[in-house]
PDB file of all heavy atoms in Angstrom:
ATOM      1  N   ASP A   1       0.868  -1.147   0.036  1.00  0.00           N
ATOM      2  CA  ASP A   1      -0.014  -0.043  -0.040  1.00  0.00           C
ATOM      3  C   ASP A   1       0.864   1.138  -0.043  1.00  0.00           C
ATOM      4  O   ASP A   1       1.597   1.513   0.995  1.00  0.00           O
ATOM      5  CB  ASP A   1      -0.944   0.078   1.214  1.00  0.00           C
ATOM      6  CG  ASP A   1      -1.894   1.111   1.156  1.00  0.00           C
ATOM      7  OD1 ASP A   1      -1.514   2.205   1.000  1.00  0.00           O
ATOM      8  OD2 ASP A   1      -3.117   0.831   1.382  1.00  0.00           O
ATOM      9  N   LEU A   2       0.741   2.140  -1.032  1.00  0.00           N
ATOM     10  CA  LEU A   2       1.607   3.125  -1.187  1.00  0.00           C
ATOM     11  C   LEU A   2       1.431   4.163  -0.184  1.00  0.00           C
ATOM     12  O   LEU A   2       2.442   4.930   0.349  1.00  0.00           O
ATOM     13  CB  LEU A   2       1.474   3.764  -2.568  1.00  0.00           C
ATOM     14  CG  LEU A   2       2.126   2.971  -3.774  1.00  0.00           C
ATOM     15  CD1 LEU A   2       1.770   3.751  -5.067  1.00  0.00           C
ATOM     16  CD2 LEU A   2       3.501   2.687  -3.614  1.00  0.00           C
ATOM     17  N   LYS A   3       0.240   4.443   0.294  1.00  0.00           N
ATOM     18  CA  LYS A   3       0.077   5.401   1.418  1.00  0.00           C
ATOM     19  C   LYS A   3       0.562   4.996   2.590  1.00  0.00           C
ATOM     20  O   LYS A   3       1.184   5.788   3.349  1.00  0.00           O
ATOM     21  CB  LYS A   3      -1.683   5.392   1.477  1.00  0.00           C
ATOM     22  CG  LYS A   3      -2.044   6.506   2.504  1.00  0.00           C
ATOM     23  CD  LYS A   3      -3.663   6.519   2.798  1.00  0.00           C
ATOM     24  CE  LYS A   3      -4.313   7.014   1.627  1.00  0.00           C
ATOM     25  NZ  LYS A   3      -5.739   7.173   1.731  1.00  0.00           N
ATOM     26  N   ASP A   4       0.535   3.780   2.964  1.00  0.00           N
ATOM     27  CA  ASP A   4       1.225   3.346   4.270  1.00  0.00           C
ATOM     28  C   ASP A   4       2.737   3.422   4.109  1.00  0.00           C
ATOM     29  O   ASP A   4       3.465   3.786   4.976  1.00  0.00           O
ATOM     30  CB  ASP A   4       0.884   1.755   4.569  1.00  0.00           C
ATOM     31  CG  ASP A   4      -0.500   1.720   5.053  1.00  0.00           C
ATOM     32  OD1 ASP A   4      -1.142   2.643   5.446  1.00  0.00           O
ATOM     33  OD2 ASP A   4      -1.014   0.458   4.989  1.00  0.00           O
ATOM     34  N   ILE A   5       3.226   3.152   2.887  1.00  0.00           N
ATOM     35  CA  ILE A   5       4.801   3.245   2.705  1.00  0.00           C
ATOM     36  C   ILE A   5       5.129   4.695   2.895  1.00  0.00           C
ATOM     37  O   ILE A   5       6.249   5.051   3.508  1.00  0.00           O
ATOM     38  CB  ILE A   5       5.194   2.821   1.308  1.00  0.00           C
ATOM     39  CG1 ILE A   5       4.969   1.215   1.182  1.00  0.00           C
ATOM     40  CG2 ILE A   5       6.662   3.036   1.162  1.00  0.00           C
ATOM     41  CD1 ILE A   5       5.152   0.658  -0.263  1.00  0.00           C
ATOM     42  N   GLU A   6       4.457   5.596   2.354  1.00  0.00           N
ATOM     43  CA  GLU A   6       4.700   7.056   2.326  1.00  0.00           C
ATOM     44  C   GLU A   6       4.562   7.552   3.774  1.00  0.00           C
ATOM     45  O   GLU A   6       5.446   8.258   4.225  1.00  0.00           O
ATOM     46  CB  GLU A   6       3.702   7.842   1.456  1.00  0.00           C
ATOM     47  CG  GLU A   6       4.045   9.256   1.430  1.00  0.00           C
ATOM     48  CD  GLU A   6       3.041  10.091   0.705  1.00  0.00           C
ATOM     49  OE1 GLU A   6       2.341   9.487  -0.037  1.00  0.00           O
ATOM     50  OE2 GLU A   6       2.932  11.376   0.719  1.00  0.00           O
ATOM     51  N   SER A   7       3.560   7.060   4.490  1.00  0.00           N
ATOM     52  CA  SER A   7       3.367   7.559   5.917  1.00  0.00           C
ATOM     53  C   SER A   7       4.700   6.967   6.769  1.00  0.00           C
ATOM     54  O   SER A   7       5.134   7.883   7.641  1.00  0.00           O
ATOM     55  CB  SER A   7       2.160   6.738   6.512  1.00  0.00           C
ATOM     56  OG  SER A   7       2.020   6.969   7.869  1.00  0.00           O
ATOM     57  N   VAL A   8       5.174   5.724   6.580  1.00  0.00           N
ATOM     58  CA  VAL A   8       6.243   5.254   7.315  1.00  0.00           C
ATOM     59  C   VAL A   8       7.520   6.112   6.881  1.00  0.00           C
ATOM     60  O   VAL A   8       8.263   6.499   7.798  1.00  0.00           O
ATOM     61  CB  VAL A   8       6.531   3.842   7.091  1.00  0.00           C
ATOM     62  CG1 VAL A   8       7.968   3.268   7.668  1.00  0.00           C
ATOM     63  CG2 VAL A   8       5.374   3.049   7.821  1.00  0.00           C
ATOM     64  N   ARG A   9       7.809   6.275   5.664  1.00  0.00           N
ATOM     65  CA  ARG A   9       8.994   7.040   5.245  1.00  0.00           C
ATOM     66  C   ARG A   9       9.027   8.485   5.731  1.00  0.00           C
ATOM     67  O   ARG A   9      10.197   9.022   5.838  1.00  0.00           O
ATOM     68  CB  ARG A   9       9.030   7.036   3.645  1.00  0.00           C
ATOM     69  CG  ARG A   9       9.351   5.626   3.145  1.00  0.00           C
ATOM     70  CD  ARG A   9       9.496   5.641   1.635  1.00  0.00           C
ATOM     71  NE  ARG A   9       9.823   4.293   1.151  1.00  0.00           N
ATOM     72  CZ  ARG A   9       9.913   3.854  -0.128  1.00  0.00           C
ATOM     73  NH1 ARG A   9       9.476   4.699  -1.013  1.00  0.00           N
ATOM     74  NH2 ARG A   9      10.279   2.679  -0.476  1.00  0.00           N
ATOM     75  N   LYS A  10       7.933   9.090   5.982  1.00  0.00           N
ATOM     76  CA  LYS A  10       7.927  10.428   6.708  1.00  0.00           C
ATOM     77  C   LYS A  10       8.584  10.370   8.115  1.00  0.00           C
ATOM     78  O   LYS A  10       8.985  11.354   8.594  1.00  0.00           O
ATOM     79  CB  LYS A  10       6.489  11.078   6.605  1.00  0.00           C
ATOM     80  CG  LYS A  10       5.972  11.446   5.301  1.00  0.00           C
ATOM     81  CD  LYS A  10       4.564  11.953   5.322  1.00  0.00           C
ATOM     82  CE  LYS A  10       4.180  12.497   3.971  1.00  0.00           C
ATOM     83  NZ  LYS A  10       2.850  13.026   4.006  1.00  0.00           N
ATOM     84  N   LYS A  11       8.472   9.318   8.647  1.00  0.00           N
ATOM     85  CA  LYS A  11       8.833   9.042  10.112  1.00  0.00           C
ATOM     86  C   LYS A  11      10.218   8.487  10.119  1.00  0.00           C
ATOM     87  O   LYS A  11      10.916   8.433  11.328  1.00  0.00           O
ATOM     88  CB  LYS A  11       8.005   8.188  10.875  1.00  0.00           C
ATOM     89  CG  LYS A  11       6.446   8.779  10.810  1.00  0.00           C
ATOM     90  CD  LYS A  11       5.512   7.614  11.472  1.00  0.00           C
ATOM     91  CE  LYS A  11       4.027   8.112  11.164  1.00  0.00           C
ATOM     92  NZ  LYS A  11       3.157   7.104  11.650  1.00  0.00           N
ATOM     93  N   VAL A  12      10.766   7.998   9.140  1.00  0.00           N
ATOM     94  CA  VAL A  12      12.049   7.280   9.146  1.00  0.00           C
ATOM     95  C   VAL A  12      13.074   8.010   8.263  1.00  0.00           C
ATOM     96  O   VAL A  12      12.943   8.178   7.047  1.00  0.00           O
ATOM     97  CB  VAL A  12      11.895   5.820   8.629  1.00  0.00           C
ATOM     98  CG1 VAL A  12      13.274   5.145   8.596  1.00  0.00           C
ATOM     99  CG2 VAL A  12      10.898   5.114   9.534  1.00  0.00           C
ATOM    100  N   GLY A  13      14.279   8.412   8.838  1.00  0.00           N
ATOM    101  CA  GLY A  13      15.284   9.005   8.079  1.00  0.00           C
ATOM    102  C   GLY A  13      16.337   7.862   7.821  1.00  0.00           C
ATOM    103  O   GLY A  13      16.501   7.013   8.678  1.00  0.00           O
ATOM    104  N   MET A  14      17.267   8.071   6.806  1.00  0.00           N
ATOM    105  CA  MET A  14      18.120   7.026   6.481  1.00  0.00           C
ATOM    106  C   MET A  14      19.443   7.710   5.846  1.00  0.00           C
ATOM    107  O   MET A  14      19.410   8.600   5.141  1.00  0.00           O
ATOM    108  CB  MET A  14      17.566   6.058   5.364  1.00  0.00           C
ATOM    109  CG  MET A  14      18.542   4.817   5.208  1.00  0.00           C
ATOM    110  SD  MET A  14      17.755   3.416   4.488  1.00  0.00           S
ATOM    111  CE  MET A  14      18.942   2.204   4.661  1.00  0.00           C
ATOM    112  N   VAL A  15      20.453   7.161   6.467  1.00  0.00           N
ATOM    113  CA  VAL A  15      21.815   7.564   5.929  1.00  0.00           C
ATOM    114  C   VAL A  15      22.529   6.366   5.390  1.00  0.00           C
ATOM    115  O   VAL A  15      22.622   5.257   6.051  1.00  0.00           O
ATOM    116  CB  VAL A  15      22.680   8.193   7.087  1.00  0.00           C
ATOM    117  CG1 VAL A  15      24.061   8.460   6.667  1.00  0.00           C
ATOM    118  CG2 VAL A  15      22.028   9.333   7.630  1.00  0.00           C
ATOM    119  N   PHE A  16      23.065   6.429   4.142  1.00  0.00           N
ATOM    120  CA  PHE A  16      23.613   5.387   3.443  1.00  0.00           C
ATOM    121  C   PHE A  16      25.169   5.272   3.453  1.00  0.00           C
ATOM    122  O   PHE A  16      25.712   6.232   4.047  1.00  0.00           O
ATOM    123  CB  PHE A  16      23.165   5.361   1.969  1.00  0.00           C
ATOM    124  CG  PHE A  16      21.637   5.315   1.758  1.00  0.00           C
ATOM    125  CD1 PHE A  16      20.967   6.511   1.783  1.00  0.00           C
ATOM    126  CD2 PHE A  16      21.109   4.070   1.610  1.00  0.00           C
ATOM    127  CE1 PHE A  16      19.538   6.470   1.620  1.00  0.00           C
ATOM    128  CE2 PHE A  16      19.695   4.005   1.318  1.00  0.00           C
ATOM    129  CZ  PHE A  16      18.944   5.283   1.429  1.00  0.00           C
ATOM    130  N   GLN A  17      25.774   4.163   2.959  1.00  0.00           N
ATOM    131  CA  GLN A  17      27.269   4.209   2.894  1.00  0.00           C
ATOM    132  C   GLN A  17      27.699   5.319   1.982  1.00  0.00           C
ATOM    133  O   GLN A  17      28.616   5.943   2.395  1.00  0.00           O
ATOM    134  CB  GLN A  17      27.703   2.799   2.179  1.00  0.00           C
ATOM    135  CG  GLN A  17      27.353   1.647   2.981  1.00  0.00           C
ATOM    136  CD  GLN A  17      27.653   0.343   2.251  1.00  0.00           C
ATOM    137  OE1 GLN A  17      28.798   0.304   1.620  1.00  0.00           O
ATOM    138  NE2 GLN A  17      26.932  -0.645   2.321  1.00  0.00           N
ATOM    139  N   GLN A  18      27.118   5.510   0.765  1.00  0.00           N
ATOM    140  CA  GLN A  18      27.472   6.593  -0.055  1.00  0.00           C
ATOM    141  C   GLN A  18      26.474   7.712   0.284  1.00  0.00           C
ATOM    142  O   GLN A  18      25.337   7.480   0.615  1.00  0.00           O
ATOM    143  CB  GLN A  18      27.328   6.205  -1.500  1.00  0.00           C
ATOM    144  CG  GLN A  18      28.184   4.990  -1.979  1.00  0.00           C
ATOM    145  CD  GLN A  18      29.662   5.268  -1.746  1.00  0.00           C
ATOM    146  OE1 GLN A  18      30.076   6.391  -1.971  1.00  0.00           O
ATOM    147  NE2 GLN A  18      30.370   4.328  -1.503  1.00  0.00           N
ATOM    148  N   PHE A  19      26.993   8.985   0.134  1.00  0.00           N
ATOM    149  CA  PHE A  19      26.425  10.185   0.700  1.00  0.00           C
ATOM    150  C   PHE A  19      25.125  10.512   0.062  1.00  0.00           C
ATOM    151  O   PHE A  19      24.172  11.070   0.683  1.00  0.00           O
ATOM    152  CB  PHE A  19      27.264  11.187   0.811  1.00  0.00           C
ATOM    153  CG  PHE A  19      28.860  10.820   1.113  1.00  0.00           C
ATOM    154  CD1 PHE A  19      29.781  11.195   0.311  1.00  0.00           C
ATOM    155  CD2 PHE A  19      29.002  10.033   2.273  1.00  0.00           C
ATOM    156  CE1 PHE A  19      30.995  10.732   0.579  1.00  0.00           C
ATOM    157  CE2 PHE A  19      30.170   9.671   2.548  1.00  0.00           C
ATOM    158  CZ  PHE A  19      31.361   9.987   1.643  1.00  0.00           C
ATOM    159  N   ASN A  20      24.943  10.152  -1.306  1.00  0.00           N
ATOM    160  CA  ASN A  20      23.793  10.396  -2.023  1.00  0.00           C
ATOM    161  C   ASN A  20      23.429  11.873  -2.064  1.00  0.00           C
ATOM    162  O   ASN A  20      22.109  12.129  -1.962  1.00  0.00           O
ATOM    163  CB  ASN A  20      22.679   9.452  -1.621  1.00  0.00           C
ATOM    164  CG  ASN A  20      22.970   8.090  -1.961  1.00  0.00           C
ATOM    165  OD1 ASN A  20      23.671   7.690  -2.670  1.00  0.00           O
ATOM    166  ND2 ASN A  20      22.133   7.185  -1.289  1.00  0.00           N
ATOM    167  N   LEU A  21      24.259  12.841  -1.916  1.00  0.00           N
ATOM    168  CA  LEU A  21      23.891  14.093  -1.868  1.00  0.00           C
ATOM    169  C   LEU A  21      23.682  14.669  -3.505  1.00  0.00           C
ATOM    170  O   LEU A  21      24.344  14.036  -4.336  1.00  0.00           O
ATOM    171  CB  LEU A  21      25.057  15.130  -1.358  1.00  0.00           C
ATOM    172  CG  LEU A  21      25.296  14.747   0.137  1.00  0.00           C
ATOM    173  CD1 LEU A  21      26.374  15.509   0.569  1.00  0.00           C
ATOM    174  CD2 LEU A  21      24.059  14.977   0.953  1.00  0.00           C
ATOM    175  N   PHE A  22      22.974  15.777  -3.627  1.00  0.00           N
ATOM    176  CA  PHE A  22      22.901  16.250  -5.066  1.00  0.00           C
ATOM    177  C   PHE A  22      24.028  17.200  -5.276  1.00  0.00           C
ATOM    178  O   PHE A  22      24.126  18.132  -4.604  1.00  0.00           O
ATOM    179  CB  PHE A  22      21.515  17.123  -5.113  1.00  0.00           C
ATOM    180  CG  PHE A  22      20.256  16.169  -4.991  1.00  0.00           C
ATOM    181  CD1 PHE A  22      19.485  16.208  -3.868  1.00  0.00           C
ATOM    182  CD2 PHE A  22      19.884  15.354  -6.096  1.00  0.00           C
ATOM    183  CE1 PHE A  22      18.426  15.435  -3.831  1.00  0.00           C
ATOM    184  CE2 PHE A  22      18.770  14.497  -6.042  1.00  0.00           C
ATOM    185  CZ  PHE A  22      18.031  14.533  -4.781  1.00  0.00           C
ATOM    186  N   PRO A  23      24.907  16.784  -6.187  1.00  0.00           N
ATOM    187  CA  PRO A  23      26.090  17.616  -6.509  1.00  0.00           C
ATOM    188  C   PRO A  23      25.861  18.904  -6.984  1.00  0.00           C
ATOM    189  O   PRO A  23      26.786  19.756  -6.851  1.00  0.00           O
ATOM    190  CB  PRO A  23      26.866  16.621  -7.458  1.00  0.00           C
ATOM    191  CG  PRO A  23      25.887  15.849  -8.228  1.00  0.00           C
ATOM    192  CD  PRO A  23      24.822  15.549  -7.232  1.00  0.00           C
ATOM    193  N   HIS A  24      24.779  19.250  -7.668  1.00  0.00           N
ATOM    194  CA  HIS A  24      24.474  20.475  -8.203  1.00  0.00           C
ATOM    195  C   HIS A  24      23.801  21.475  -7.359  1.00  0.00           C
ATOM    196  O   HIS A  24      23.726  22.590  -7.580  1.00  0.00           O
ATOM    197  CB  HIS A  24      23.652  20.334  -9.493  1.00  0.00           C
ATOM    198  CG  HIS A  24      22.362  19.822  -9.271  1.00  0.00           C
ATOM    199  ND1 HIS A  24      22.121  18.580  -8.860  1.00  0.00           N
ATOM    200  CD2 HIS A  24      21.039  20.456  -9.272  1.00  0.00           C
ATOM    201  CE1 HIS A  24      20.885  18.354  -8.612  1.00  0.00           C
ATOM    202  NE2 HIS A  24      20.117  19.338  -8.886  1.00  0.00           N
ATOM    203  N   LEU A  25      23.591  20.936  -6.144  1.00  0.00           N
ATOM    204  CA  LEU A  25      22.851  21.797  -5.001  1.00  0.00           C
ATOM    205  C   LEU A  25      24.024  22.040  -3.864  1.00  0.00           C
ATOM    206  O   LEU A  25      24.875  21.269  -3.641  1.00  0.00           O
ATOM    207  CB  LEU A  25      21.780  21.107  -4.321  1.00  0.00           C
ATOM    208  CG  LEU A  25      20.551  20.789  -5.250  1.00  0.00           C
ATOM    209  CD1 LEU A  25      19.517  20.170  -4.601  1.00  0.00           C
ATOM    210  CD2 LEU A  25      20.198  22.101  -6.076  1.00  0.00           C
ATOM    211  N   THR A  26      23.915  23.252  -3.357  1.00  0.00           N
ATOM    212  CA  THR A  26      24.751  23.491  -2.131  1.00  0.00           C
ATOM    213  C   THR A  26      24.375  22.746  -0.950  1.00  0.00           C
ATOM    214  O   THR A  26      23.360  21.955  -0.899  1.00  0.00           O
ATOM    215  CB  THR A  26      24.624  25.085  -1.693  1.00  0.00           C
ATOM    216  OG1 THR A  26      23.317  25.313  -1.268  1.00  0.00           O
ATOM    217  CG2 THR A  26      24.921  25.862  -2.863  1.00  0.00           C
ATOM    218  N   VAL A  27      25.217  22.664   0.098  1.00  0.00           N
ATOM    219  CA  VAL A  27      24.926  21.931   1.246  1.00  0.00           C
ATOM    220  C   VAL A  27      23.506  22.404   1.849  1.00  0.00           C
ATOM    221  O   VAL A  27      22.651  21.574   2.229  1.00  0.00           O
ATOM    222  CB  VAL A  27      26.053  22.198   2.324  1.00  0.00           C
ATOM    223  CG1 VAL A  27      25.585  21.851   3.810  1.00  0.00           C
ATOM    224  CG2 VAL A  27      27.169  21.482   1.986  1.00  0.00           C
ATOM    225  N   LEU A  28      23.246  23.658   1.862  1.00  0.00           N
ATOM    226  CA  LEU A  28      22.135  24.194   2.535  1.00  0.00           C
ATOM    227  C   LEU A  28      20.911  23.843   1.714  1.00  0.00           C
ATOM    228  O   LEU A  28      19.837  23.429   2.065  1.00  0.00           O
ATOM    229  CB  LEU A  28      22.110  25.858   2.463  1.00  0.00           C
ATOM    230  CG  LEU A  28      20.998  26.548   3.219  1.00  0.00           C
ATOM    231  CD1 LEU A  28      21.011  26.050   4.789  1.00  0.00           C
ATOM    232  CD2 LEU A  28      21.124  28.077   3.011  1.00  0.00           C
ATOM    233  N   GLN A  29      21.161  23.743   0.280  1.00  0.00           N
ATOM    234  CA  GLN A  29      19.989  23.379  -0.642  1.00  0.00           C
ATOM    235  C   GLN A  29      19.703  21.909  -0.516  1.00  0.00           C
ATOM    236  O   GLN A  29      18.504  21.543  -0.513  1.00  0.00           O
ATOM    237  CB  GLN A  29      20.278  23.725  -2.057  1.00  0.00           C
ATOM    238  CG  GLN A  29      20.334  25.289  -2.351  1.00  0.00           C
ATOM    239  CD  GLN A  29      20.834  25.652  -3.691  1.00  0.00           C
ATOM    240  OE1 GLN A  29      21.797  24.844  -4.201  1.00  0.00           O
ATOM    241  NE2 GLN A  29      20.648  26.793  -4.269  1.00  0.00           N
ATOM    242  N   ASN A  30      20.684  21.125  -0.253  1.00  0.00           N
ATOM    243  CA  ASN A  30      20.452  19.728  -0.053  1.00  0.00           C
ATOM    244  C   ASN A  30      19.655  19.350   1.108  1.00  0.00           C
ATOM    245  O   ASN A  30      18.867  18.515   1.013  1.00  0.00           O
ATOM    246  CB  ASN A  30      21.816  18.895   0.073  1.00  0.00           C
ATOM    247  CG  ASN A  30      22.422  18.419  -1.186  1.00  0.00           C
ATOM    248  OD1 ASN A  30      22.038  17.359  -1.616  1.00  0.00           O
ATOM    249  ND2 ASN A  30      23.236  19.144  -1.924  1.00  0.00           N
ATOM    250  N   ILE A  31      19.874  20.177   2.137  1.00  0.00           N
ATOM    251  CA  ILE A  31      19.167  19.946   3.458  1.00  0.00           C
ATOM    252  C   ILE A  31      17.681  20.468   3.397  1.00  0.00           C
ATOM    253  O   ILE A  31      16.785  19.845   3.971  1.00  0.00           O
ATOM    254  CB  ILE A  31      19.998  20.596   4.585  1.00  0.00           C
ATOM    255  CG1 ILE A  31      21.335  19.813   4.771  1.00  0.00           C
ATOM    256  CG2 ILE A  31      19.177  20.411   5.949  1.00  0.00           C
ATOM    257  CD1 ILE A  31      22.210  20.433   5.829  1.00  0.00           C
ATOM    258  N   THR A  32      17.504  21.662   2.728  1.00  0.00           N
ATOM    259  CA  THR A  32      16.215  22.307   2.707  1.00  0.00           C
ATOM    260  C   THR A  32      15.276  21.628   1.732  1.00  0.00           C
ATOM    261  O   THR A  32      14.031  22.013   1.729  1.00  0.00           O
ATOM    262  CB  THR A  32      16.313  23.855   2.520  1.00  0.00           C
ATOM    263  OG1 THR A  32      17.039  24.062   1.295  1.00  0.00           O
ATOM    264  CG2 THR A  32      17.162  24.463   3.651  1.00  0.00           C
ATOM    265  N   LEU A  33      15.733  20.921   0.814  1.00  0.00           N
ATOM    266  CA  LEU A  33      15.021  20.393  -0.294  1.00  0.00           C
ATOM    267  C   LEU A  33      13.812  19.603   0.277  1.00  0.00           C
ATOM    268  O   LEU A  33      12.611  19.979  -0.199  1.00  0.00           O
ATOM    269  CB  LEU A  33      15.852  19.505  -1.162  1.00  0.00           C
ATOM    270  CG  LEU A  33      15.216  19.192  -2.676  1.00  0.00           C
ATOM    271  CD1 LEU A  33      15.142  20.286  -3.435  1.00  0.00           C
ATOM    272  CD2 LEU A  33      16.119  18.071  -3.321  1.00  0.00           C
ATOM    273  N   GLY A  34      13.985  18.615   1.119  1.00  0.00           N
ATOM    274  CA  GLY A  34      12.927  17.871   1.726  1.00  0.00           C
ATOM    275  C   GLY A  34      11.914  18.616   2.400  1.00  0.00           C
ATOM    276  O   GLY A  34      10.621  18.546   2.277  1.00  0.00           O
ATOM    277  N   PRO A  35      12.320  19.524   3.465  1.00  0.00           N
ATOM    278  CA  PRO A  35      11.403  20.237   4.173  1.00  0.00           C
ATOM    279  C   PRO A  35      10.477  21.194   3.434  1.00  0.00           C
ATOM    280  O   PRO A  35       9.309  21.370   3.668  1.00  0.00           O
ATOM    281  CB  PRO A  35      12.193  21.105   5.195  1.00  0.00           C
ATOM    282  CG  PRO A  35      13.515  20.275   5.442  1.00  0.00           C
ATOM    283  CD  PRO A  35      13.718  19.557   3.987  1.00  0.00           C
ATOM    284  N   ILE A  36      11.128  21.741   2.392  1.00  0.00           N
ATOM    285  CA  ILE A  36      10.283  22.615   1.485  1.00  0.00           C
ATOM    286  C   ILE A  36       9.319  21.865   0.661  1.00  0.00           C
ATOM    287  O   ILE A  36       8.133  22.221   0.627  1.00  0.00           O
ATOM    288  CB  ILE A  36      11.244  23.579   0.679  1.00  0.00           C
ATOM    289  CG1 ILE A  36      12.045  24.506   1.541  1.00  0.00           C
ATOM    290  CG2 ILE A  36      10.503  24.328  -0.490  1.00  0.00           C
ATOM    291  CD1 ILE A  36      13.230  25.244   0.789  1.00  0.00           C
ATOM    292  N   TRP A  37       9.808  20.848  -0.025  1.00  0.00           N
ATOM    293  CA  TRP A  37       8.832  20.220  -1.062  1.00  0.00           C
ATOM    294  C   TRP A  37       8.049  19.099  -0.496  1.00  0.00           C
ATOM    295  O   TRP A  37       6.921  18.746  -1.092  1.00  0.00           O
ATOM    296  CB  TRP A  37       9.737  19.641  -2.233  1.00  0.00           C
ATOM    297  CG  TRP A  37      10.502  20.836  -3.124  1.00  0.00           C
ATOM    298  CD1 TRP A  37      11.645  21.258  -2.954  1.00  0.00           C
ATOM    299  CD2 TRP A  37       9.694  21.720  -3.959  1.00  0.00           C
ATOM    300  NE1 TRP A  37      11.973  22.343  -3.857  1.00  0.00           N
ATOM    301  CE2 TRP A  37      10.584  22.638  -4.509  1.00  0.00           C
ATOM    302  CE3 TRP A  37       8.490  21.590  -4.534  1.00  0.00           C
ATOM    303  CZ2 TRP A  37      10.387  23.566  -5.375  1.00  0.00           C
ATOM    304  CZ3 TRP A  37       8.163  22.666  -5.373  1.00  0.00           C
ATOM    305  CH2 TRP A  37       9.011  23.514  -5.852  1.00  0.00           C
ATOM    306  N   VAL A  38       8.515  18.346   0.544  1.00  0.00           N
ATOM    307  CA  VAL A  38       7.731  17.275   1.049  1.00  0.00           C
ATOM    308  C   VAL A  38       6.948  17.705   2.364  1.00  0.00           C
ATOM    309  O   VAL A  38       5.705  17.485   2.419  1.00  0.00           O
ATOM    310  CB  VAL A  38       8.716  16.118   1.495  1.00  0.00           C
ATOM    311  CG1 VAL A  38       7.921  15.059   2.105  1.00  0.00           C
ATOM    312  CG2 VAL A  38       9.456  15.530   0.338  1.00  0.00           C
ATOM    313  N   SER A  39       7.669  18.488   3.254  1.00  0.00           N
ATOM    314  CA  SER A  39       6.889  18.934   4.412  1.00  0.00           C
ATOM    315  C   SER A  39       6.234  20.329   4.258  1.00  0.00           C
ATOM    316  O   SER A  39       5.580  20.711   5.244  1.00  0.00           O
ATOM    317  CB  SER A  39       7.898  19.001   5.608  1.00  0.00           C
ATOM    318  OG  SER A  39       8.543  17.743   5.845  1.00  0.00           O
ATOM    319  N   GLN A  40       6.313  20.884   3.209  1.00  0.00           N
ATOM    320  CA  GLN A  40       5.666  22.114   2.839  1.00  0.00           C
ATOM    321  C   GLN A  40       6.059  23.278   3.785  1.00  0.00           C
ATOM    322  O   GLN A  40       5.222  24.144   4.148  1.00  0.00           O
ATOM    323  CB  GLN A  40       4.145  21.945   2.867  1.00  0.00           C
ATOM    324  CG  GLN A  40       3.701  20.833   1.957  1.00  0.00           C
ATOM    325  CD  GLN A  40       3.920  21.240   0.381  1.00  0.00           C
ATOM    326  OE1 GLN A  40       3.559  22.202   0.006  1.00  0.00           O
ATOM    327  NE2 GLN A  40       4.633  20.267  -0.314  1.00  0.00           N
ATOM    328  N   LYS A  41       7.127  23.219   4.259  1.00  0.00           N
ATOM    329  CA  LYS A  41       7.758  24.400   5.206  1.00  0.00           C
ATOM    330  C   LYS A  41       8.157  25.563   4.217  1.00  0.00           C
ATOM    331  O   LYS A  41       8.602  25.350   3.109  1.00  0.00           O
ATOM    332  CB  LYS A  41       8.889  23.968   5.953  1.00  0.00           C
ATOM    333  CG  LYS A  41       8.541  22.894   7.052  1.00  0.00           C
ATOM    334  CD  LYS A  41       9.565  22.625   7.942  1.00  0.00           C
ATOM    335  CE  LYS A  41       9.196  21.505   8.971  1.00  0.00           C
ATOM    336  NZ  LYS A  41       8.155  21.954   9.839  1.00  0.00           N
ATOM    337  N   ASN A  42       7.968  26.778   4.727  1.00  0.00           N
ATOM    338  CA  ASN A  42       8.444  27.975   3.936  1.00  0.00           C
ATOM    339  C   ASN A  42      10.022  27.982   3.896  1.00  0.00           C
ATOM    340  O   ASN A  42      10.629  27.378   4.815  1.00  0.00           O
ATOM    341  CB  ASN A  42       7.848  29.195   4.517  1.00  0.00           C
ATOM    342  CG  ASN A  42       8.246  29.557   5.801  1.00  0.00           C
ATOM    343  OD1 ASN A  42       9.599  29.729   6.258  1.00  0.00           O
ATOM    344  ND2 ASN A  42       7.314  29.787   6.838  1.00  0.00           N
ATOM    345  N   ARG A  43      10.455  28.698   2.951  1.00  0.00           N
ATOM    346  CA  ARG A  43      12.002  28.629   2.850  1.00  0.00           C
ATOM    347  C   ARG A  43      12.735  29.187   4.042  1.00  0.00           C
ATOM    348  O   ARG A  43      13.797  28.567   4.399  1.00  0.00           O
ATOM    349  CB  ARG A  43      12.388  29.607   1.637  1.00  0.00           C
ATOM    350  CG  ARG A  43      13.801  29.482   1.052  1.00  0.00           C
ATOM    351  CD  ARG A  43      13.930  29.976  -0.173  1.00  0.00           C
ATOM    352  NE  ARG A  43      13.043  29.460  -1.269  1.00  0.00           N
ATOM    353  CZ  ARG A  43      13.184  28.447  -1.944  1.00  0.00           C
ATOM    354  NH1 ARG A  43      14.320  27.782  -1.854  1.00  0.00           N
ATOM    355  NH2 ARG A  43      12.286  27.989  -2.794  1.00  0.00           N
ATOM    356  N   GLU A  44      12.224  30.180   4.724  1.00  0.00           N
ATOM    357  CA  GLU A  44      12.877  30.790   5.937  1.00  0.00           C
ATOM    358  C   GLU A  44      12.895  29.679   6.980  1.00  0.00           C
ATOM    359  O   GLU A  44      13.949  29.669   7.627  1.00  0.00           O
ATOM    360  CB  GLU A  44      12.218  32.075   6.308  1.00  0.00           C
ATOM    361  CG  GLU A  44      12.721  32.651   7.579  1.00  0.00           C
ATOM    362  CD  GLU A  44      12.015  33.895   8.214  1.00  0.00           C
ATOM    363  OE1 GLU A  44      10.968  34.198   7.423  1.00  0.00           O
ATOM    364  OE2 GLU A  44      12.284  34.287   9.204  1.00  0.00           O
TER     365      GLU A  44
END
C-alpha cells in the first residue's frame, strides 16, 4: 500500500554508505529540499 509506505517514510530517516547528495546543490539546498517540497515548510 503506497499510502502506508509514504506514511512510514515520513517518520524514518536514512543515511547510506554513499552520501547520495545532489552535487549541483549547495549543502544548504540539499538539506532544505525535503522540508520545502515534502513537508511544505516555507523557505525561511
